Amino acid sequence: MPRKKLPDIDEKDLVAWLRTGEHEAFGTLYDQYSAAIYGVVFRIIQSDAAAEDILQESFVKIWRSFAQYDESKGRLFTWMLNIARNLAIDHYRSLNRNPTQNQTVTFDVDMVDVEHNCSFNPNVIGLRELVNALKPDQIEIIEHLYYRGLTHTEAAEEINIPLGTVKTRLHSALKSLRMFFREKEKNNIL
């Protein structure tokens, strides 16, 4: 199959092509998403060299674990971004191990660099709007876990609530977000 250009392939077609295992499909995946993922990784790491290494490590992990991707659970970009974000946070924390200081990583969907031909734009899919539509206690959990990169335990300590409550609120928030996305998809808004 000849290499498809960015405007010629949507996410669904790209996923189907990636499932064939063709290396050209992975090249297209890299071309389509690497700039946005690099922007997020760089924002966390604040080092070009380290961000490039983590970007490469992320795409290797994405390629090796692609069979685990389930499109019914979320968008491809979101899945890839979580892999890269987790690797970046792990790297950040390994460099900043100071037991007397509580390190957090700031991450916001507005950090995604959409200027580099990336099909992901959180404003288009209304991610900020959807999160802000959640209950205040759910927003707080999402902000602590996803935007700031805290673990469940760290969030529980910072908010001063039991760990089980963090998990319950997170489960409820994610369930609400899934319902919002399904409704938008049903109405062909996404």
N, C-alpha and C. Protein backbone atom coordinates (compact mmCIF):
# COMPACT_ATOMS: atom_id res chain seq x y z
N MET A 1 0.85 -1.18 0.00
CA MET A 1 0.00 0.00 0.00
C MET A 1 0.90 1.24 0.00
N PRO A 2 0.67 2.21 -0.90
CA PRO A 2 1.50 3.41 -0.91
C PRO A 2 1.24 4.24 0.34
N ARG A 3 2.26 5.00 0.73
CA ARG A 3 2.14 5.82 1.93
C ARG A 3 1.05 6.87 1.73
N LYS A 4 0.13 6.90 2.66
CA LYS A 4 -0.99 7.84 2.57
C LYS A 4 -0.55 9.18 3.14
N LYS A 5 -0.99 10.23 2.53
CA LYS A 5 -0.71 11.57 3.01
C LYS A 5 -1.70 11.92 4.11
N LEU A 6 -1.34 12.87 4.98
CA LEU A 6 -2.16 13.22 6.12
C LEU A 6 -3.62 13.52 5.79
N PRO A 7 -3.92 14.34 4.78
CA PRO A 7 -5.33 14.63 4.53
C PRO A 7 -6.11 13.44 4.00
N ASP A 8 -5.42 12.40 3.50
CA ASP A 8 -6.09 11.27 2.88
C ASP A 8 -6.53 10.19 3.86
N ILE A 9 -6.17 10.31 5.11
CA ILE A 9 -6.45 9.21 6.03
C ILE A 9 -7.05 9.75 7.33
N ASP A 10 -8.15 9.15 7.74
CA ASP A 10 -8.73 9.53 9.03
C ASP A 10 -8.31 8.48 10.07
N GLU A 11 -8.67 8.75 11.30
CA GLU A 11 -8.22 7.88 12.39
C GLU A 11 -8.70 6.44 12.22
N LYS A 12 -9.94 6.26 11.82
CA LYS A 12 -10.49 4.91 11.67
C LYS A 12 -9.72 4.13 10.60
N ASP A 13 -9.45 4.77 9.46
CA ASP A 13 -8.69 4.12 8.40
C ASP A 13 -7.25 3.84 8.83
N LEU A 14 -6.68 4.78 9.57
CA LEU A 14 -5.31 4.61 10.06
C LEU A 14 -5.23 3.42 11.01
N VAL A 15 -6.19 3.28 11.90
CA VAL A 15 -6.21 2.15 12.83
C VAL A 15 -6.30 0.83 12.07
N ALA A 16 -7.17 0.78 11.08
CA ALA A 16 -7.30 -0.44 10.27
C ALA A 16 -5.99 -0.76 9.56
N TRP A 17 -5.34 0.26 9.02
CA TRP A 17 -4.07 0.08 8.33
C TRP A 17 -2.99 -0.39 9.30
N LEU A 18 -2.96 0.19 10.50
CA LEU A 18 -1.98 -0.22 11.51
C LEU A 18 -2.17 -1.67 11.92
N ARG A 19 -3.40 -2.12 11.94
CA ARG A 19 -3.68 -3.51 12.32
C ARG A 19 -3.10 -4.51 11.31
N THR A 20 -2.80 -4.05 10.09
CA THR A 20 -2.16 -4.93 9.10
C THR A 20 -0.69 -5.17 9.43
N GLY A 21 -0.12 -4.32 10.29
CA GLY A 21 1.28 -4.47 10.67
C GLY A 21 2.26 -3.86 9.70
N GLU A 22 1.79 -3.17 8.70
CA GLU A 22 2.68 -2.55 7.72
C GLU A 22 3.47 -1.41 8.34
N HIS A 23 4.77 -1.38 8.04
CA HIS A 23 5.64 -0.35 8.60
C HIS A 23 5.28 1.04 8.06
N GLU A 24 4.78 1.12 6.83
CA GLU A 24 4.38 2.41 6.28
C GLU A 24 3.23 3.02 7.09
N ALA A 25 2.37 2.17 7.61
CA ALA A 25 1.27 2.66 8.44
C ALA A 25 1.82 3.32 9.70
N PHE A 26 2.84 2.71 10.26
CA PHE A 26 3.45 3.29 11.46
C PHE A 26 4.13 4.61 11.13
N GLY A 27 4.75 4.69 9.96
CA GLY A 27 5.35 5.96 9.53
C GLY A 27 4.32 7.06 9.41
N THR A 28 3.17 6.72 8.87
CA THR A 28 2.08 7.70 8.76
C THR A 28 1.58 8.09 10.14
N LEU A 29 1.46 7.12 11.04
CA LEU A 29 1.06 7.41 12.41
C LEU A 29 2.03 8.41 13.04
N TYR A 30 3.32 8.16 12.86
CA TYR A 30 4.34 9.05 13.41
C TYR A 30 4.21 10.44 12.80
N ASP A 31 4.08 10.50 11.48
CA ASP A 31 3.97 11.79 10.80
C ASP A 31 2.75 12.57 11.29
N GLN A 32 1.68 11.87 11.53
CA GLN A 32 0.43 12.52 11.89
C GLN A 32 0.40 13.00 13.34
N TYR A 33 1.05 12.29 14.24
CA TYR A 33 0.88 12.60 15.67
C TYR A 33 2.15 13.00 16.43
N SER A 34 3.31 12.82 15.86
CA SER A 34 4.54 13.03 16.62
C SER A 34 4.71 14.46 17.11
N ALA A 35 4.35 15.44 16.30
CA ALA A 35 4.54 16.83 16.71
C ALA A 35 3.71 17.16 17.95
N ALA A 36 2.47 16.74 17.96
CA ALA A 36 1.60 17.03 19.11
C ALA A 36 2.08 16.29 20.35
N ILE A 37 2.47 15.04 20.18
CA ILE A 37 2.94 14.27 21.33
C ILE A 37 4.26 14.84 21.85
N TYR A 38 5.14 15.22 20.94
CA TYR A 38 6.40 15.85 21.35
C TYR A 38 6.11 17.11 22.17
N GLY A 39 5.15 17.91 21.74
CA GLY A 39 4.82 19.14 22.46
C GLY A 39 4.40 18.87 23.90
N VAL A 40 3.61 17.84 24.11
CA VAL A 40 3.17 17.49 25.46
C VAL A 40 4.35 16.97 26.29
N VAL A 41 5.14 16.09 25.70
CA VAL A 41 6.30 15.53 26.41
C VAL A 41 7.28 16.64 26.78
N PHE A 42 7.55 17.53 25.83
CA PHE A 42 8.47 18.64 26.11
C PHE A 42 7.95 19.52 27.23
N ARG A 43 6.67 19.76 27.22
CA ARG A 43 6.08 20.61 28.26
C ARG A 43 6.29 20.01 29.66
N ILE A 44 6.29 18.70 29.75
CA ILE A 44 6.50 18.02 31.03
C ILE A 44 7.99 17.98 31.37
N ILE A 45 8.83 17.63 30.39
CA ILE A 45 10.25 17.38 30.62
C ILE A 45 11.09 18.65 30.59
N GLN A 46 10.76 19.59 29.71
CA GLN A 46 11.50 20.84 29.54
C GLN A 46 12.93 20.64 29.05
N SER A 47 13.13 19.61 28.23
CA SER A 47 14.45 19.34 27.66
C SER A 47 14.26 18.73 26.28
N ASP A 48 14.86 19.37 25.26
CA ASP A 48 14.71 18.86 23.89
C ASP A 48 15.22 17.44 23.76
N ALA A 49 16.43 17.20 24.24
CA ALA A 49 17.03 15.87 24.08
C ALA A 49 16.22 14.79 24.78
N ALA A 50 15.83 15.06 26.01
CA ALA A 50 15.05 14.08 26.77
C ALA A 50 13.67 13.89 26.13
N ALA A 51 13.06 14.97 25.67
CA ALA A 51 11.74 14.86 25.04
C ALA A 51 11.82 14.04 23.76
N GLU A 52 12.89 14.22 22.98
CA GLU A 52 13.07 13.42 21.77
C GLU A 52 13.24 11.94 22.11
N ASP A 53 14.02 11.65 23.17
CA ASP A 53 14.20 10.26 23.60
C ASP A 53 12.88 9.65 24.04
N ILE A 54 12.11 10.40 24.81
CA ILE A 54 10.83 9.88 25.30
C ILE A 54 9.84 9.73 24.15
N LEU A 55 9.88 10.65 23.19
CA LEU A 55 9.03 10.52 22.02
C LEU A 55 9.34 9.22 21.28
N GLN A 56 10.62 8.96 21.09
CA GLN A 56 11.02 7.72 20.40
C GLN A 56 10.59 6.50 21.21
N GLU A 57 10.85 6.53 22.51
CA GLU A 57 10.45 5.42 23.38
C GLU A 57 8.93 5.22 23.36
N SER A 58 8.19 6.32 23.30
CA SER A 58 6.73 6.25 23.25
C SER A 58 6.26 5.55 21.99
N PHE A 59 6.83 5.93 20.84
CA PHE A 59 6.38 5.32 19.60
C PHE A 59 6.81 3.85 19.49
N VAL A 60 7.93 3.50 20.07
CA VAL A 60 8.32 2.09 20.12
C VAL A 60 7.30 1.32 20.95
N LYS A 61 6.93 1.88 22.10
CA LYS A 61 5.94 1.22 22.96
C LYS A 61 4.58 1.16 22.28
N ILE A 62 4.20 2.21 21.60
CA ILE A 62 2.92 2.24 20.87
C ILE A 62 2.92 1.14 19.81
N TRP A 63 4.00 1.02 19.06
CA TRP A 63 4.10 0.01 18.00
C TRP A 63 4.02 -1.39 18.57
N ARG A 64 4.78 -1.62 19.64
CA ARG A 64 4.83 -2.97 20.24
C ARG A 64 3.52 -3.36 20.91
N SER A 65 2.80 -2.39 21.43
CA SER A 65 1.58 -2.72 22.17
C SER A 65 0.31 -2.34 21.40
N PHE A 66 0.44 -2.07 20.11
CA PHE A 66 -0.72 -1.61 19.35
C PHE A 66 -1.87 -2.62 19.37
N ALA A 67 -1.56 -3.88 19.45
CA ALA A 67 -2.61 -4.91 19.48
C ALA A 67 -3.53 -4.72 20.70
N GLN A 68 -3.04 -4.05 21.73
CA GLN A 68 -3.84 -3.82 22.93
C GLN A 68 -4.79 -2.64 22.80
N TYR A 69 -4.58 -1.81 21.77
CA TYR A 69 -5.45 -0.65 21.59
C TYR A 69 -6.86 -1.10 21.23
N ASP A 70 -7.84 -0.57 21.95
CA ASP A 70 -9.25 -0.90 21.73
C ASP A 70 -9.99 0.40 21.40
N GLU A 71 -10.34 0.56 20.13
CA GLU A 71 -10.99 1.80 19.71
C GLU A 71 -12.33 2.05 20.39
N SER A 72 -12.95 1.02 20.94
CA SER A 72 -14.22 1.22 21.63
C SER A 72 -14.02 1.92 22.99
N LYS A 73 -12.79 1.95 23.47
CA LYS A 73 -12.51 2.57 24.77
C LYS A 73 -12.00 4.00 24.65
N GLY A 74 -11.70 4.43 23.43
CA GLY A 74 -11.24 5.81 23.28
C GLY A 74 -10.51 6.02 21.97
N ARG A 75 -10.23 7.27 21.70
CA ARG A 75 -9.56 7.65 20.46
C ARG A 75 -8.11 7.21 20.48
N LEU A 76 -7.57 6.97 19.30
CA LEU A 76 -6.18 6.57 19.13
C LEU A 76 -5.23 7.60 19.73
N PHE A 77 -5.46 8.86 19.42
CA PHE A 77 -4.57 9.90 19.93
C PHE A 77 -4.55 9.92 21.46
N THR A 78 -5.70 9.77 22.07
CA THR A 78 -5.77 9.78 23.53
C THR A 78 -4.97 8.62 24.11
N TRP A 79 -5.10 7.45 23.52
CA TRP A 79 -4.36 6.27 23.96
C TRP A 79 -2.85 6.51 23.84
N MET A 80 -2.43 7.04 22.70
CA MET A 80 -1.00 7.31 22.48
C MET A 80 -0.51 8.39 23.43
N LEU A 81 -1.31 9.42 23.63
CA LEU A 81 -0.93 10.52 24.51
C LEU A 81 -0.74 10.02 25.94
N ASN A 82 -1.58 9.12 26.38
CA ASN A 82 -1.44 8.56 27.73
C ASN A 82 -0.13 7.78 27.87
N ILE A 83 0.24 7.02 26.85
CA ILE A 83 1.51 6.29 26.88
C ILE A 83 2.67 7.27 27.01
N ALA A 84 2.68 8.28 26.14
CA ALA A 84 3.77 9.26 26.15
C ALA A 84 3.78 10.06 27.45
N ARG A 85 2.62 10.46 27.89
CA ARG A 85 2.51 11.25 29.13
C ARG A 85 3.04 10.45 30.32
N ASN A 86 2.67 9.18 30.41
CA ASN A 86 3.15 8.35 31.52
C ASN A 86 4.66 8.17 31.48
N LEU A 87 5.22 7.95 30.29
CA LEU A 87 6.68 7.83 30.18
C LEU A 87 7.36 9.14 30.57
N ALA A 88 6.78 10.27 30.16
CA ALA A 88 7.36 11.58 30.50
C ALA A 88 7.29 11.83 32.01
N ILE A 89 6.16 11.51 32.60
CA ILE A 89 6.02 11.71 34.05
C ILE A 89 6.99 10.80 34.80
N ASP A 90 7.12 9.54 34.38
CA ASP A 90 8.08 8.64 35.02
C ASP A 90 9.49 9.20 34.92
N HIS A 91 9.85 9.71 33.75
CA HIS A 91 11.18 10.30 33.56
C HIS A 91 11.35 11.52 34.46
N TYR A 92 10.37 12.38 34.46
CA TYR A 92 10.40 13.59 35.28
C TYR A 92 10.59 13.25 36.76
N ARG A 93 9.82 12.30 37.21
CA ARG A 93 9.91 11.92 38.62
C ARG A 93 11.24 11.26 38.95
N SER A 94 11.80 10.50 38.02
CA SER A 94 13.10 9.86 38.27
C SER A 94 14.20 10.89 38.40
N LEU A 95 14.06 12.02 37.72
CA LEU A 95 15.06 13.09 37.81
C LEU A 95 14.85 13.98 39.02
N ASN A 96 13.67 13.98 39.57
CA ASN A 96 13.32 14.91 40.65
C ASN A 96 12.93 14.17 41.92
N ARG A 97 13.68 13.16 42.25
CA ARG A 97 13.37 12.42 43.48
C ARG A 97 13.90 13.19 44.67
N ASN A 98 13.00 13.80 45.39
CA ASN A 98 13.33 14.55 46.59
C ASN A 98 12.23 14.26 47.60
N PRO A 99 12.49 13.38 48.56
CA PRO A 99 11.43 12.95 49.45
C PRO A 99 10.81 14.07 50.28
N THR A 100 11.48 15.21 50.39
CA THR A 100 10.92 16.29 51.19
C THR A 100 10.04 17.22 50.37
N GLN A 101 10.03 17.01 49.05
CA GLN A 101 9.26 17.89 48.18
C GLN A 101 8.24 17.08 47.39
N ASN A 102 7.00 17.50 47.43
CA ASN A 102 5.95 16.82 46.68
C ASN A 102 5.95 17.35 45.25
N GLN A 103 6.47 16.56 44.31
CA GLN A 103 6.56 16.96 42.92
C GLN A 103 5.24 16.66 42.21
N THR A 104 4.79 17.61 41.43
CA THR A 104 3.65 17.37 40.57
C THR A 104 4.01 17.79 39.17
N VAL A 105 3.35 17.21 38.22
CA VAL A 105 3.56 17.54 36.82
C VAL A 105 2.30 18.20 36.32
N THR A 106 2.45 19.38 35.75
CA THR A 106 1.30 20.07 35.21
C THR A 106 1.07 19.61 33.79
N PHE A 107 -0.15 19.24 33.50
CA PHE A 107 -0.52 18.85 32.15
C PHE A 107 -1.92 19.35 31.89
N ASP A 108 -2.07 19.99 30.78
CA ASP A 108 -3.37 20.52 30.40
C ASP A 108 -3.58 20.22 28.93
N VAL A 109 -4.79 19.90 28.56
CA VAL A 109 -5.05 19.60 27.15
C VAL A 109 -4.72 20.77 26.27
N ASP A 110 -4.69 21.99 26.78
CA ASP A 110 -4.33 23.15 25.98
C ASP A 110 -2.86 23.16 25.62
N MET A 111 -2.04 22.28 26.24
CA MET A 111 -0.62 22.20 25.92
C MET A 111 -0.38 21.53 24.58
N VAL A 112 -1.33 20.79 24.07
CA VAL A 112 -1.13 20.05 22.84
C VAL A 112 -0.90 21.03 21.70
N ASP A 113 0.21 20.86 21.00
CA ASP A 113 0.59 21.72 19.90
C ASP A 113 -0.19 21.31 18.66
N VAL A 114 -1.22 22.06 18.33
CA VAL A 114 -2.04 21.72 17.18
C VAL A 114 -1.58 22.45 15.92
N GLU A 115 -0.49 23.18 16.01
CA GLU A 115 0.01 23.93 14.87
C GLU A 115 0.77 23.04 13.88
N HIS A 116 1.10 21.82 14.25
CA HIS A 116 1.93 20.97 13.40
C HIS A 116 1.13 19.86 12.75
N ASN A 117 0.10 20.21 12.01
CA ASN A 117 -0.69 19.26 11.22
C ASN A 117 -1.21 18.09 12.04
N CYS A 118 -1.66 18.36 13.21
CA CYS A 118 -2.19 17.28 14.05
C CYS A 118 -3.71 17.36 14.03
N SER A 119 -4.34 16.21 13.90
CA SER A 119 -5.79 16.20 13.81
C SER A 119 -6.46 16.37 15.17
N PHE A 120 -5.69 16.35 16.25
CA PHE A 120 -6.27 16.46 17.58
C PHE A 120 -6.32 17.92 18.00
N ASN A 121 -7.47 18.38 18.34
CA ASN A 121 -7.64 19.72 18.87
C ASN A 121 -8.69 19.62 19.97
N PRO A 122 -8.29 19.78 21.23
CA PRO A 122 -9.24 19.60 22.32
C PRO A 122 -10.41 20.56 22.27
N ASN A 123 -10.21 21.72 21.65
CA ASN A 123 -11.32 22.66 21.55
C ASN A 123 -12.36 22.17 20.56
N VAL A 124 -11.92 21.48 19.50
CA VAL A 124 -12.85 20.96 18.51
C VAL A 124 -13.73 19.88 19.12
N ILE A 125 -13.12 18.98 19.89
CA ILE A 125 -13.92 17.91 20.46
C ILE A 125 -14.58 18.34 21.77
N GLY A 126 -14.27 19.53 22.24
CA GLY A 126 -14.92 20.06 23.42
C GLY A 126 -14.48 19.43 24.72
N LEU A 127 -13.23 18.98 24.79
CA LEU A 127 -12.76 18.31 25.99
C LEU A 127 -12.83 19.21 27.21
N ARG A 128 -12.37 20.43 27.07
CA ARG A 128 -12.41 21.37 28.21
C ARG A 128 -13.86 21.59 28.63
N GLU A 129 -14.74 21.78 27.68
CA GLU A 129 -16.16 21.99 27.96
C GLU A 129 -16.75 20.78 28.68
N LEU A 130 -16.39 19.59 28.22
CA LEU A 130 -16.93 18.37 28.83
C LEU A 130 -16.45 18.21 30.27
N VAL A 131 -15.16 18.43 30.49
CA VAL A 131 -14.63 18.30 31.85
C VAL A 131 -15.28 19.33 32.76
N ASN A 132 -15.43 20.56 32.26
CA ASN A 132 -16.04 21.61 33.08
C ASN A 132 -17.52 21.36 33.35
N ALA A 133 -18.15 20.46 32.58
CA ALA A 133 -19.56 20.14 32.80
C ALA A 133 -19.74 19.10 33.90
N LEU A 134 -18.64 18.51 34.36
CA LEU A 134 -18.72 17.52 35.44
C LEU A 134 -19.03 18.20 36.77
N LYS A 135 -19.35 17.39 37.76
CA LYS A 135 -19.56 17.91 39.11
C LYS A 135 -18.23 18.45 39.64
N PRO A 136 -18.26 19.45 40.51
CA PRO A 136 -17.02 20.04 41.02
C PRO A 136 -16.04 19.03 41.64
N ASP A 137 -16.55 18.03 42.37
CA ASP A 137 -15.65 17.06 42.98
C ASP A 137 -15.01 16.16 41.91
N GLN A 138 -15.72 15.93 40.79
CA GLN A 138 -15.16 15.14 39.69
C GLN A 138 -14.10 15.94 38.94
N ILE A 139 -14.37 17.23 38.72
CA ILE A 139 -13.40 18.11 38.06
C ILE A 139 -12.11 18.12 38.87
N GLU A 140 -12.24 18.24 40.17
CA GLU A 140 -11.07 18.28 41.05
C GLU A 140 -10.23 17.02 40.89
N ILE A 141 -10.86 15.87 40.82
CA ILE A 141 -10.14 14.60 40.66
C ILE A 141 -9.45 14.55 39.30
N ILE A 142 -10.15 14.91 38.24
CA ILE A 142 -9.56 14.90 36.89
C ILE A 142 -8.36 15.85 36.85
N GLU A 143 -8.50 17.02 37.42
CA GLU A 143 -7.39 17.98 37.42
C GLU A 143 -6.18 17.43 38.15
N HIS A 144 -6.40 16.81 39.30
CA HIS A 144 -5.27 16.28 40.07
C HIS A 144 -4.61 15.09 39.38
N LEU A 145 -5.41 14.18 38.84
CA LEU A 145 -4.85 12.95 38.28
C LEU A 145 -4.32 13.12 36.86
N TYR A 146 -5.05 13.81 36.02
CA TYR A 146 -4.68 13.89 34.61
C TYR A 146 -3.94 15.17 34.26
N TYR A 147 -4.40 16.29 34.78
CA TYR A 147 -3.75 17.54 34.41
C TYR A 147 -2.47 17.78 35.22
N ARG A 148 -2.47 17.36 36.46
CA ARG A 148 -1.28 17.57 37.29
C ARG A 148 -0.41 16.34 37.40
N GLY A 149 -0.90 15.18 37.01
CA GLY A 149 -0.10 13.97 37.00
C GLY A 149 0.11 13.31 38.35
N LEU A 150 -0.75 13.59 39.30
CA LEU A 150 -0.62 12.97 40.62
C LEU A 150 -1.11 11.52 40.57
N THR A 151 -0.58 10.72 41.46
CA THR A 151 -1.09 9.36 41.62
C THR A 151 -2.39 9.44 42.42
N HIS A 152 -3.12 8.33 42.47
CA HIS A 152 -4.35 8.31 43.27
C HIS A 152 -4.04 8.63 44.74
N THR A 153 -2.98 8.05 45.25
CA THR A 153 -2.60 8.27 46.66
C THR A 153 -2.23 9.73 46.90
N GLU A 154 -1.43 10.31 45.99
CA GLU A 154 -1.04 11.72 46.15
C GLU A 154 -2.25 12.63 46.11
N ALA A 155 -3.18 12.35 45.21
CA ALA A 155 -4.40 13.16 45.12
C ALA A 155 -5.21 13.05 46.40
N ALA A 156 -5.34 11.83 46.91
CA ALA A 156 -6.10 11.62 48.16
C ALA A 156 -5.49 12.43 49.30
N GLU A 157 -4.16 12.41 49.38
CA GLU A 157 -3.48 13.16 50.45
C GLU A 157 -3.65 14.66 50.27
N GLU A 158 -3.51 15.14 49.03
CA GLU A 158 -3.61 16.57 48.79
C GLU A 158 -5.01 17.11 49.02
N ILE A 159 -6.02 16.35 48.59
CA ILE A 159 -7.41 16.77 48.75
C ILE A 159 -7.91 16.46 50.15
N ASN A 160 -7.20 15.56 50.83
CA ASN A 160 -7.56 15.13 52.18
C ASN A 160 -8.87 14.35 52.19
N ILE A 161 -8.91 13.34 51.30
CA ILE A 161 -10.05 12.41 51.25
C ILE A 161 -9.49 10.99 51.18
N PRO A 162 -10.29 9.99 51.51
CA PRO A 162 -9.82 8.61 51.43
C PRO A 162 -9.51 8.19 49.99
N LEU A 163 -8.57 7.28 49.85
CA LEU A 163 -8.18 6.77 48.53
C LEU A 163 -9.38 6.18 47.79
N GLY A 164 -10.23 5.47 48.48
CA GLY A 164 -11.41 4.89 47.87
C GLY A 164 -12.34 5.95 47.28
N THR A 165 -12.42 7.10 47.93
CA THR A 165 -13.25 8.19 47.43
C THR A 165 -12.67 8.75 46.13
N VAL A 166 -11.34 8.84 46.06
CA VAL A 166 -10.68 9.29 44.82
C VAL A 166 -11.06 8.35 43.69
N LYS A 167 -10.95 7.05 43.94
CA LYS A 167 -11.25 6.07 42.89
C LYS A 167 -12.72 6.10 42.48
N THR A 168 -13.60 6.28 43.44
CA THR A 168 -15.03 6.34 43.14
C THR A 168 -15.36 7.57 42.31
N ARG A 169 -14.80 8.73 42.71
CA ARG A 169 -15.05 9.96 41.96
C ARG A 169 -14.46 9.87 40.55
N LEU A 170 -13.28 9.27 40.43
CA LEU A 170 -12.66 9.12 39.11
C LEU A 170 -13.53 8.22 38.23
N HIS A 171 -13.97 7.11 38.77
CA HIS A 171 -14.82 6.19 38.01
C HIS A 171 -16.08 6.91 37.54
N SER A 172 -16.69 7.67 38.42
CA SER A 172 -17.90 8.40 38.09
C SER A 172 -17.62 9.46 37.02
N ALA A 173 -16.51 10.17 37.14
CA ALA A 173 -16.16 11.21 36.17
C ALA A 173 -15.91 10.61 34.79
N LEU A 174 -15.16 9.52 34.74
CA LEU A 174 -14.86 8.88 33.46
C LEU A 174 -16.13 8.32 32.82
N LYS A 175 -17.00 7.80 33.65
CA LYS A 175 -18.28 7.28 33.13
C LYS A 175 -19.09 8.43 32.52
N SER A 176 -19.11 9.56 33.19
CA SER A 176 -19.83 10.73 32.66
C SER A 176 -19.20 11.22 31.36
N LEU A 177 -17.87 11.26 31.30
CA LEU A 177 -17.20 11.70 30.07
C LEU A 177 -17.48 10.74 28.91
N ARG A 178 -17.47 9.44 29.20
CA ARG A 178 -17.80 8.46 28.15
C ARG A 178 -19.21 8.71 27.61
N MET A 179 -20.14 8.98 28.52
CA MET A 179 -21.52 9.24 28.10
C MET A 179 -21.59 10.51 27.25
N PHE A 180 -20.84 11.56 27.64
CA PHE A 180 -20.82 12.79 26.87
C PHE A 180 -20.29 12.53 25.46
N PHE A 181 -19.17 11.77 25.38
CA PHE A 181 -18.57 11.49 24.08
C PHE A 181 -19.49 10.63 23.22
N ARG A 182 -20.12 9.66 23.81
CA ARG A 182 -21.05 8.82 23.03
C ARG A 182 -22.20 9.66 22.49
N GLU A 183 -22.69 10.58 23.30
CA GLU A 183 -23.79 11.44 22.85
C GLU A 183 -23.32 12.34 21.71
N LYS A 184 -22.11 12.88 21.82
CA LYS A 184 -21.58 13.72 20.74
C LYS A 184 -21.37 12.90 19.47
N GLU A 185 -20.84 11.69 19.62
CA GLU A 185 -20.64 10.84 18.45
C GLU A 185 -21.98 10.47 17.82
N LYS A 186 -22.97 10.18 18.65
CA LYS A 186 -24.29 9.82 18.16
C LYS A 186 -24.89 10.98 17.34
N ASN A 187 -24.60 12.18 17.76
CA ASN A 187 -25.10 13.36 17.06
C ASN A 187 -24.14 13.85 15.99
N ASN A 188 -23.10 13.03 15.72
CA ASN A 188 -22.09 13.36 14.71
C ASN A 188 -21.42 14.70 14.96
N ILE A 189 -21.19 15.01 16.22
CA ILE A 189 -20.54 16.26 16.57
C ILE A 189 -19.02 16.08 16.54
N LEU A 190 -18.54 14.88 16.87
CA LEU A 190 -17.08 14.66 16.89
C LEU A 190 -16.55 14.51 15.51
